[in-house]
């Protein structure tokens, strides 16, 4: 990590009430502990931590609504309690990439961020698109294999291989 690094936690604030939500939740329970430890190290080093989260296709209109909705579900509450998001550090995204239709790029530029670590759900969709878009913005990208997951293990490993090959991402485990 460089002193110009930031951690992006993607789509961890979720109720898991969707198709394949149970399978994703099962896999996410392993990764969430690692995300929690990685977040603590970023915070201890004074580096930015941002949560970049789905707005449920525009149905969630505010960060407070997202938190309340997620805490109302047992699975969602469990994830929130692990990572303790702060509302001022949550960005709602309308699409798969954390950069699309958000001010994420501007925030990172203001902080002069050069390196980005992307963790969360799912490796093969929102993590992949966010990490690739970071690479396209000339950021050095890390996607720790033990801090992200997907519905199927093969989706996870295929996405990590792709990110390593195409986005020059560091995909080795954080722990």
C-alpha atoms as a PDB file:
ATOM      1  CA  UNK A   1       0.000   0.000   0.000  1.00  0.00           C
ATOM      2  CA  UNK A   2       1.143   3.493  -0.709  1.00  0.00           C
ATOM      3  CA  UNK A   3       0.207   6.562   1.314  1.00  0.00           C
ATOM      4  CA  UNK A   4      -1.947   7.522  -1.664  1.00  0.00           C
ATOM      5  CA  UNK A   5      -4.149   4.442  -1.409  1.00  0.00           C
ATOM      6  CA  UNK A   6      -7.855   4.011  -0.810  1.00  0.00           C
ATOM      7  CA  UNK A   7     -10.083   1.062  -0.009  1.00  0.00           C
ATOM      8  CA  UNK A   8     -13.345   0.603  -1.906  1.00  0.00           C
ATOM      9  CA  UNK A   9     -15.829  -1.759  -0.279  1.00  0.00           C
ATOM     10  CA  UNK A  10     -18.321  -2.706  -2.989  1.00  0.00           C
ATOM     11  CA  UNK A  11     -21.922  -3.843  -2.396  1.00  0.00           C
ATOM     12  CA  UNK A  12     -21.323  -5.247   1.092  1.00  0.00           C
ATOM     13  CA  UNK A  13     -24.348  -3.332   2.372  1.00  0.00           C
ATOM     14  CA  UNK A  14     -26.987  -5.777   1.135  1.00  0.00           C
ATOM     15  CA  UNK A  15     -30.027  -7.627   2.382  1.00  0.00           C
ATOM     16  CA  UNK A  16     -29.157 -10.638   0.178  1.00  0.00           C
ATOM     17  CA  UNK A  17     -32.834 -10.905  -0.756  1.00  0.00           C
ATOM     18  CA  UNK A  18     -32.388 -11.645  -4.442  1.00  0.00           C
ATOM     19  CA  UNK A  19     -31.853 -14.613  -6.731  1.00  0.00           C
ATOM     20  CA  UNK A  20     -28.678 -16.403  -5.585  1.00  0.00           C
ATOM     21  CA  UNK A  21     -28.609 -14.227  -2.441  1.00  0.00           C
ATOM     22  CA  UNK A  22     -28.383 -17.234  -0.144  1.00  0.00           C
ATOM     23  CA  UNK A  23     -25.420 -18.683  -2.044  1.00  0.00           C
ATOM     24  CA  UNK A  24     -23.659 -15.322  -2.102  1.00  0.00           C
ATOM     25  CA  UNK A  25     -24.273 -14.779   1.614  1.00  0.00           C
ATOM     26  CA  UNK A  26     -22.771 -18.172   2.427  1.00  0.00           C
ATOM     27  CA  UNK A  27     -19.585 -17.284   0.530  1.00  0.00           C
ATOM     28  CA  UNK A  28     -19.556 -13.699   1.814  1.00  0.00           C
ATOM     29  CA  UNK A  29     -19.434 -14.803   5.451  1.00  0.00           C
ATOM     30  CA  UNK A  30     -15.872 -16.018   4.904  1.00  0.00           C
ATOM     31  CA  UNK A  31     -14.684 -12.863   3.135  1.00  0.00           C
ATOM     32  CA  UNK A  32     -16.336 -10.333   5.465  1.00  0.00           C
ATOM     33  CA  UNK A  33     -13.906 -11.061   8.317  1.00  0.00           C
ATOM     34  CA  UNK A  34     -10.964 -10.291   6.022  1.00  0.00           C
ATOM     35  CA  UNK A  35     -12.638  -7.105   4.771  1.00  0.00           C
ATOM     36  CA  UNK A  36     -13.124  -6.025   8.379  1.00  0.00           C
ATOM     37  CA  UNK A  37      -9.410  -6.501   9.121  1.00  0.00           C
ATOM     38  CA  UNK A  38      -8.337  -4.771   5.916  1.00  0.00           C
ATOM     39  CA  UNK A  39     -10.627  -1.820   6.677  1.00  0.00           C
ATOM     40  CA  UNK A  40      -9.078  -1.515  10.150  1.00  0.00           C
ATOM     41  CA  UNK A  41      -5.582  -1.361   8.661  1.00  0.00           C
ATOM     42  CA  UNK A  42      -6.575   1.354   6.166  1.00  0.00           C
ATOM     43  CA  UNK A  43      -8.237   3.400   8.916  1.00  0.00           C
ATOM     44  CA  UNK A  44      -5.217   2.950  11.222  1.00  0.00           C
ATOM     45  CA  UNK A  45      -2.938   4.194   8.428  1.00  0.00           C
ATOM     46  CA  UNK A  46      -5.175   7.232   7.809  1.00  0.00           C
ATOM     47  CA  UNK A  47      -6.179   6.115   4.312  1.00  0.00           C
ATOM     48  CA  UNK A  48      -9.662   6.670   2.849  1.00  0.00           C
ATOM     49  CA  UNK A  49     -12.260   3.899   3.051  1.00  0.00           C
ATOM     50  CA  UNK A  50     -15.310   4.290   0.828  1.00  0.00           C
ATOM     51  CA  UNK A  51     -18.332   2.052   0.549  1.00  0.00           C
ATOM     52  CA  UNK A  52     -19.670   1.945  -2.998  1.00  0.00           C
ATOM     53  CA  UNK A  53     -23.072   0.349  -3.053  1.00  0.00           C
ATOM     54  CA  UNK A  54     -25.982  -0.515  -5.300  1.00  0.00           C
ATOM     55  CA  UNK A  55     -28.998   1.736  -5.047  1.00  0.00           C
ATOM     56  CA  UNK A  56     -31.233  -1.255  -5.829  1.00  0.00           C
ATOM     57  CA  UNK A  57     -31.735   0.015  -9.378  1.00  0.00           C
ATOM     58  CA  UNK A  58     -32.706   3.447  -8.104  1.00  0.00           C
ATOM     59  CA  UNK A  59     -35.250   2.195  -5.574  1.00  0.00           C
ATOM     60  CA  UNK A  60     -32.978   3.231  -2.686  1.00  0.00           C
ATOM     61  CA  UNK A  61     -32.791   7.022  -2.766  1.00  0.00           C
ATOM     62  CA  UNK A  62     -30.526   7.821   0.179  1.00  0.00           C
ATOM     63  CA  UNK A  63     -27.731   6.368   2.254  1.00  0.00           C
ATOM     64  CA  UNK A  64     -29.943   6.413   5.358  1.00  0.00           C
ATOM     65  CA  UNK A  65     -32.630   4.468   3.516  1.00  0.00           C
ATOM     66  CA  UNK A  66     -30.008   1.909   2.390  1.00  0.00           C
ATOM     67  CA  UNK A  67     -28.745   1.395   5.947  1.00  0.00           C
ATOM     68  CA  UNK A  68     -32.255   1.111   7.416  1.00  0.00           C
ATOM     69  CA  UNK A  69     -33.371  -1.296   4.698  1.00  0.00           C
ATOM     70  CA  UNK A  70     -30.291  -3.472   5.139  1.00  0.00           C
ATOM     71  CA  UNK A  71     -30.446  -3.537   8.932  1.00  0.00           C
ATOM     72  CA  UNK A  72     -34.060  -4.756   8.690  1.00  0.00           C
ATOM     73  CA  UNK A  73     -32.755  -8.041   7.290  1.00  0.00           C
ATOM     74  CA  UNK A  74     -30.870 -10.529   9.468  1.00  0.00           C
ATOM     75  CA  UNK A  75     -28.210 -11.217   6.829  1.00  0.00           C
ATOM     76  CA  UNK A  76     -27.751  -7.556   6.012  1.00  0.00           C
ATOM     77  CA  UNK A  77     -27.484  -6.566   9.666  1.00  0.00           C
ATOM     78  CA  UNK A  78     -24.796  -9.214  10.156  1.00  0.00           C
ATOM     79  CA  UNK A  79     -22.675  -7.711   7.361  1.00  0.00           C
ATOM     80  CA  UNK A  80     -23.151  -4.115   8.542  1.00  0.00           C
ATOM     81  CA  UNK A  81     -22.138  -5.048  12.083  1.00  0.00           C
ATOM     82  CA  UNK A  82     -18.881  -6.502  10.751  1.00  0.00           C
ATOM     83  CA  UNK A  83     -17.766  -3.514   8.670  1.00  0.00           C
ATOM     84  CA  UNK A  84     -19.497  -0.601  10.427  1.00  0.00           C
ATOM     85  CA  UNK A  85     -20.005   1.761   7.487  1.00  0.00           C
ATOM     86  CA  UNK A  86     -20.173   5.489   8.155  1.00  0.00           C
ATOM     87  CA  UNK A  87     -22.868   7.228   6.127  1.00  0.00           C
ATOM     88  CA  UNK A  88     -20.571  10.025   4.925  1.00  0.00           C
ATOM     89  CA  UNK A  89     -18.322   7.408   3.313  1.00  0.00           C
ATOM     90  CA  UNK A  90     -21.072   5.644   1.328  1.00  0.00           C
ATOM     91  CA  UNK A  91     -21.579   6.302  -2.369  1.00  0.00           C
ATOM     92  CA  UNK A  92     -24.730   5.000  -4.058  1.00  0.00           C
ATOM     93  CA  UNK A  93     -24.118   3.724  -7.569  1.00  0.00           C
ATOM     94  CA  UNK A  94     -26.764   3.252 -10.256  1.00  0.00           C
ATOM     95  CA  UNK A  95     -24.882   0.556 -12.176  1.00  0.00           C
ATOM     96  CA  UNK A  96     -22.208  -2.097 -11.786  1.00  0.00           C
ATOM     97  CA  UNK A  97     -19.164   0.173 -11.716  1.00  0.00           C
ATOM     98  CA  UNK A  98     -18.601   2.378  -8.705  1.00  0.00           C
ATOM     99  CA  UNK A  99     -17.403   5.078 -11.098  1.00  0.00           C
ATOM    100  CA  UNK A 100     -20.450   5.167 -13.379  1.00  0.00           C
ATOM    101  CA  UNK A 101     -22.839   7.984 -12.488  1.00  0.00           C
ATOM    102  CA  UNK A 102     -21.117   8.794  -9.165  1.00  0.00           C
ATOM    103  CA  UNK A 103     -18.581  11.265  -7.819  1.00  0.00           C
ATOM    104  CA  UNK A 104     -16.127   8.477  -6.916  1.00  0.00           C
ATOM    105  CA  UNK A 105     -13.536   9.578  -9.475  1.00  0.00           C
ATOM    106  CA  UNK A 106     -13.685  13.183  -8.239  1.00  0.00           C
ATOM    107  CA  UNK A 107     -13.297  12.095  -4.614  1.00  0.00           C
ATOM    108  CA  UNK A 108     -10.262   9.985  -5.435  1.00  0.00           C
ATOM    109  CA  UNK A 109      -8.722  12.805  -7.490  1.00  0.00           C
ATOM    110  CA  UNK A 110      -9.189  15.294  -4.641  1.00  0.00           C
ATOM    111  CA  UNK A 111      -7.364  12.901  -2.319  1.00  0.00           C
ATOM    112  CA  UNK A 112      -4.655  12.342  -4.975  1.00  0.00           C
ATOM    113  CA  UNK A 113      -5.227   8.596  -4.787  1.00  0.00           C
ATOM    114  CA  UNK A 114      -2.882   6.519  -6.940  1.00  0.00           C
ATOM    115  CA  UNK A 115      -3.632   2.993  -5.691  1.00  0.00           C
ATOM    116  CA  UNK A 116      -7.013   1.425  -5.120  1.00  0.00           C
ATOM    117  CA  UNK A 117      -7.943  -1.782  -3.314  1.00  0.00           C
ATOM    118  CA  UNK A 118     -11.347  -3.118  -4.339  1.00  0.00           C
ATOM    119  CA  UNK A 119     -13.147  -5.662  -2.132  1.00  0.00           C
ATOM    120  CA  UNK A 120     -16.722  -6.893  -1.727  1.00  0.00           C
ATOM    121  CA  UNK A 121     -19.401  -8.558  -3.826  1.00  0.00           C
ATOM    122  CA  UNK A 122     -19.365  -9.894  -6.443  1.00  0.00           C
ATOM    123  CA  UNK A 123     -15.965 -10.561  -7.908  1.00  0.00           C
ATOM    124  CA  UNK A 124     -17.371 -11.240 -11.360  1.00  0.00           C
ATOM    125  CA  UNK A 125     -19.737  -8.292 -11.586  1.00  0.00           C
ATOM    126  CA  UNK A 126     -19.514  -5.086  -9.538  1.00  0.00           C
ATOM    127  CA  UNK A 127     -16.007  -5.674  -8.154  1.00  0.00           C
ATOM    128  CA  UNK A 128     -14.778  -6.500 -11.656  1.00  0.00           C
ATOM    129  CA  UNK A 129     -16.352  -3.444 -13.311  1.00  0.00           C
ATOM    130  CA  UNK A 130     -15.210  -1.083 -10.549  1.00  0.00           C
ATOM    131  CA  UNK A 131     -11.651  -2.440 -10.560  1.00  0.00           C
ATOM    132  CA  UNK A 132     -11.442  -2.303 -14.341  1.00  0.00           C
ATOM    133  CA  UNK A 133     -12.745   1.270 -14.412  1.00  0.00           C
ATOM    134  CA  UNK A 134     -10.113   2.215 -11.805  1.00  0.00           C
ATOM    135  CA  UNK A 135      -7.447   0.740 -14.098  1.00  0.00           C
ATOM    136  CA  UNK A 136      -8.848   2.731 -17.025  1.00  0.00           C
ATOM    137  CA  UNK A 137      -8.349   5.854 -14.878  1.00  0.00           C
ATOM    138  CA  UNK A 138      -4.648   4.990 -14.499  1.00  0.00           C
ATOM    139  CA  UNK A 139      -4.948   3.793 -10.889  1.00  0.00           C
ATOM    140  CA  UNK A 140      -2.913   0.872  -9.612  1.00  0.00           C
ATOM    141  CA  UNK A 141      -5.449  -1.818  -8.704  1.00  0.00           C
ATOM    142  CA  UNK A 142      -5.512  -4.520  -6.053  1.00  0.00           C
ATOM    143  CA  UNK A 143      -8.333  -7.025  -5.608  1.00  0.00           C
ATOM    144  CA  UNK A 144      -7.346  -9.303  -2.714  1.00  0.00           C
ATOM    145  CA  UNK A 145      -8.687 -12.776  -3.477  1.00  0.00           C
ATOM    146  CA  UNK A 146      -9.702 -13.400   0.132  1.00  0.00           C
ATOM    147  CA  UNK A 147     -11.672 -10.139   0.437  1.00  0.00           C
ATOM    148  CA  UNK A 148     -14.147 -10.709  -2.369  1.00  0.00           C
ATOM    149  CA  UNK A 149     -16.459 -13.479  -3.468  1.00  0.00           C
ATOM    150  CA  UNK A 150     -19.063 -14.501  -5.999  1.00  0.00           C
ATOM    151  CA  UNK A 151     -22.062 -16.807  -6.177  1.00  0.00           C
ATOM    152  CA  UNK A 152     -19.877 -19.633  -7.529  1.00  0.00           C
ATOM    153  CA  UNK A 153     -16.175 -20.196  -6.803  1.00  0.00           C
ATOM    154  CA  UNK A 154     -15.497 -20.505 -10.548  1.00  0.00           C
ATOM    155  CA  UNK A 155     -16.963 -17.036 -11.158  1.00  0.00           C
ATOM    156  CA  UNK A 156     -14.642 -15.679  -8.473  1.00  0.00           C
ATOM    157  CA  UNK A 157     -11.466 -17.289  -9.809  1.00  0.00           C
ATOM    158  CA  UNK A 158     -12.284 -16.495 -13.448  1.00  0.00           C
ATOM    159  CA  UNK A 159     -12.836 -12.813 -12.604  1.00  0.00           C
ATOM    160  CA  UNK A 160      -9.587 -12.622 -10.627  1.00  0.00           C
ATOM    161  CA  UNK A 161      -7.670 -14.169 -13.538  1.00  0.00           C
ATOM    162  CA  UNK A 162      -9.258 -11.664 -15.909  1.00  0.00           C
ATOM    163  CA  UNK A 163      -8.428  -8.692 -13.650  1.00  0.00           C
ATOM    164  CA  UNK A 164      -4.841  -9.835 -13.280  1.00  0.00           C
ATOM    165  CA  UNK A 165      -4.433 -10.276 -17.035  1.00  0.00           C
ATOM    166  CA  UNK A 166      -6.384  -7.282 -18.358  1.00  0.00           C
ATOM    167  CA  UNK A 167      -6.221  -4.698 -15.556  1.00  0.00           C
ATOM    168  CA  UNK A 168      -2.799  -5.703 -14.212  1.00  0.00           C
ATOM    169  CA  UNK A 169      -4.464  -6.105 -10.805  1.00  0.00           C
ATOM    170  CA  UNK A 170      -2.687  -7.582  -7.825  1.00  0.00           C
ATOM    171  CA  UNK A 171      -5.001 -10.411  -6.785  1.00  0.00           C
ATOM    172  CA  UNK A 172      -3.000 -12.133  -4.074  1.00  0.00           C
ATOM    173  CA  UNK A 173      -4.695 -12.760  -0.746  1.00  0.00           C
ATOM    174  CA  UNK A 174      -4.492 -10.020   1.894  1.00  0.00           C
ATOM    175  CA  UNK A 175      -4.373 -12.510   4.780  1.00  0.00           C
END
